[in-house]
C-alpha atoms as a PDB file:
ATOM      1  CA  MET A   1    -222.540 156.578   5.797  1.00  0.00           C
ATOM      2  CA  THR A   2    -223.540 156.671   9.224  1.00  0.00           C
ATOM      3  CA  ASN A   3    -222.708 159.275  11.802  1.00  0.00           C
ATOM      4  CA  ALA A   4    -220.610 156.732  13.864  1.00  0.00           C
ATOM      5  CA  VAL A   5    -218.620 155.745  10.788  1.00  0.00           C
ATOM      6  CA  GLU A   6    -217.856 159.519  10.092  1.00  0.00           C
ATOM      7  CA  ALA A   7    -217.095 160.309  13.569  1.00  0.00           C
ATOM      8  CA  ALA A   8    -214.614 157.440  13.827  1.00  0.00           C
ATOM      9  CA  TRP A   9    -212.926 158.455  10.607  1.00  0.00           C
ATOM     10  CA  HIS A  10    -212.732 162.215  11.944  1.00  0.00           C
ATOM     11  CA  LYS A  11    -211.233 160.858  15.154  1.00  0.00           C
ATOM     12  CA  ILE A  12    -208.532 159.026  13.575  1.00  0.00           C
ATOM     13  CA  LEU A  13    -207.783 161.567  10.878  1.00  0.00           C
ATOM     14  CA  THR A  14    -207.397 164.324  13.605  1.00  0.00           C
ATOM     15  CA  THR A  15    -205.039 162.197  15.824  1.00  0.00           C
ATOM     16  CA  VAL A  16    -203.014 160.521  13.013  1.00  0.00           C
ATOM     17  CA  GLY A  17    -200.839 163.556  12.411  1.00  0.00           C
ATOM     18  CA  GLU A  18    -200.089 164.440  16.091  1.00  0.00           C
ATOM     19  CA  PRO A  19    -196.373 164.758  16.882  1.00  0.00           C
ATOM     20  CA  ARG A  20    -195.040 161.506  18.193  1.00  0.00           C
ATOM     21  CA  ARG A  21    -192.392 160.996  20.841  1.00  0.00           C
ATOM     22  CA  PRO A  22    -188.974 159.681  19.523  1.00  0.00           C
ATOM     23  CA  GLU A  23    -189.302 156.366  21.404  1.00  0.00           C
ATOM     24  CA  GLU A  24    -192.882 155.398  19.630  1.00  0.00           C
ATOM     25  CA  SER A  25    -193.216 152.859  17.015  1.00  0.00           C
ATOM     26  CA  PRO A  26    -191.283 153.487  13.760  1.00  0.00           C
ATOM     27  CA  LEU A  27    -194.695 152.434  12.170  1.00  0.00           C
ATOM     28  CA  ALA A  28    -196.283 155.817  13.170  1.00  0.00           C
ATOM     29  CA  ALA A  29    -195.599 157.400   9.821  1.00  0.00           C
ATOM     30  CA  PRO A  30    -196.382 154.653   7.467  1.00  0.00           C
ATOM     31  CA  PHE A  31    -199.762 154.119   9.519  1.00  0.00           C
ATOM     32  CA  ALA A  32    -200.556 157.735   8.930  1.00  0.00           C
ATOM     33  CA  GLN A  33    -199.931 157.578   5.264  1.00  0.00           C
ATOM     34  CA  LEU A  34    -202.035 154.399   5.161  1.00  0.00           C
ATOM     35  CA  VAL A  35    -204.982 156.110   7.030  1.00  0.00           C
ATOM     36  CA  LEU A  36    -204.957 158.930   4.616  1.00  0.00           C
ATOM     37  CA  GLU A  37    -204.737 156.680   1.563  1.00  0.00           C
ATOM     38  CA  ALA A  38    -207.666 154.494   2.937  1.00  0.00           C
ATOM     39  CA  HIS A  39    -209.596 157.603   3.691  1.00  0.00           C
ATOM     40  CA  ALA A  40    -209.296 158.929   0.197  1.00  0.00           C
ATOM     41  CA  GLU A  41    -211.035 155.703  -1.144  1.00  0.00           C
ATOM     42  CA  PRO A  42    -214.952 155.977  -1.134  1.00  0.00           C
ATOM     43  CA  LEU A  43    -215.368 152.513  -0.623  1.00  0.00           C
ATOM     44  CA  LEU A  44    -213.215 152.102   2.509  1.00  0.00           C
ATOM     45  CA  ARG A  45    -214.416 155.293   3.908  1.00  0.00           C
ATOM     46  CA  GLN A  46    -217.875 153.763   4.327  1.00  0.00           C
ATOM     47  CA  LEU A  47    -216.113 151.326   6.887  1.00  0.00           C
ATOM     48  CA  TYR A  48    -215.009 151.795  10.151  1.00  0.00           C
ATOM     49  CA  PRO A  49    -211.394 152.578  10.291  1.00  0.00           C
ATOM     50  CA  TRP A  50    -210.562 149.977  12.982  1.00  0.00           C
ATOM     51  CA  ALA A  51    -210.345 146.098  12.622  1.00  0.00           C
ATOM     52  CA  GLY A  52    -213.494 144.402  13.461  1.00  0.00           C
ATOM     53  CA  GLY A  53    -215.754 146.892  11.784  1.00  0.00           C
ATOM     54  CA  ARG A  54    -217.198 148.143  15.094  1.00  0.00           C
ATOM     55  CA  ALA A  55    -216.839 151.847  16.432  1.00  0.00           C
ATOM     56  CA  ARG A  56    -214.552 151.656  19.673  1.00  0.00           C
ATOM     57  CA  ASP A  57    -215.074 153.779  22.629  1.00  0.00           C
ATOM     58  CA  ASN A  58    -211.346 154.677  23.645  1.00  0.00           C
ATOM     59  CA  ARG A  59    -211.926 156.472  26.982  1.00  0.00           C
END
C-alpha cells in the first residue's frame, strides 16, 4: 500500500466520526459505517477511499 493511500484512509477515518450539525445529510451515519466496514476489508483498504481511485487534495 502506498503512503498516499494510507494518508487518504487516515484522513477519512479521522474525520468520519466528527460531530455533525443537525441540518446535515441524514446519510452521514450510514456513510460513516460504510467507511469503517470498507477499511476493515484488506482488499478495499488498498484502494483510495474516494471515487475515481485518485487522491484528492481538499484544500
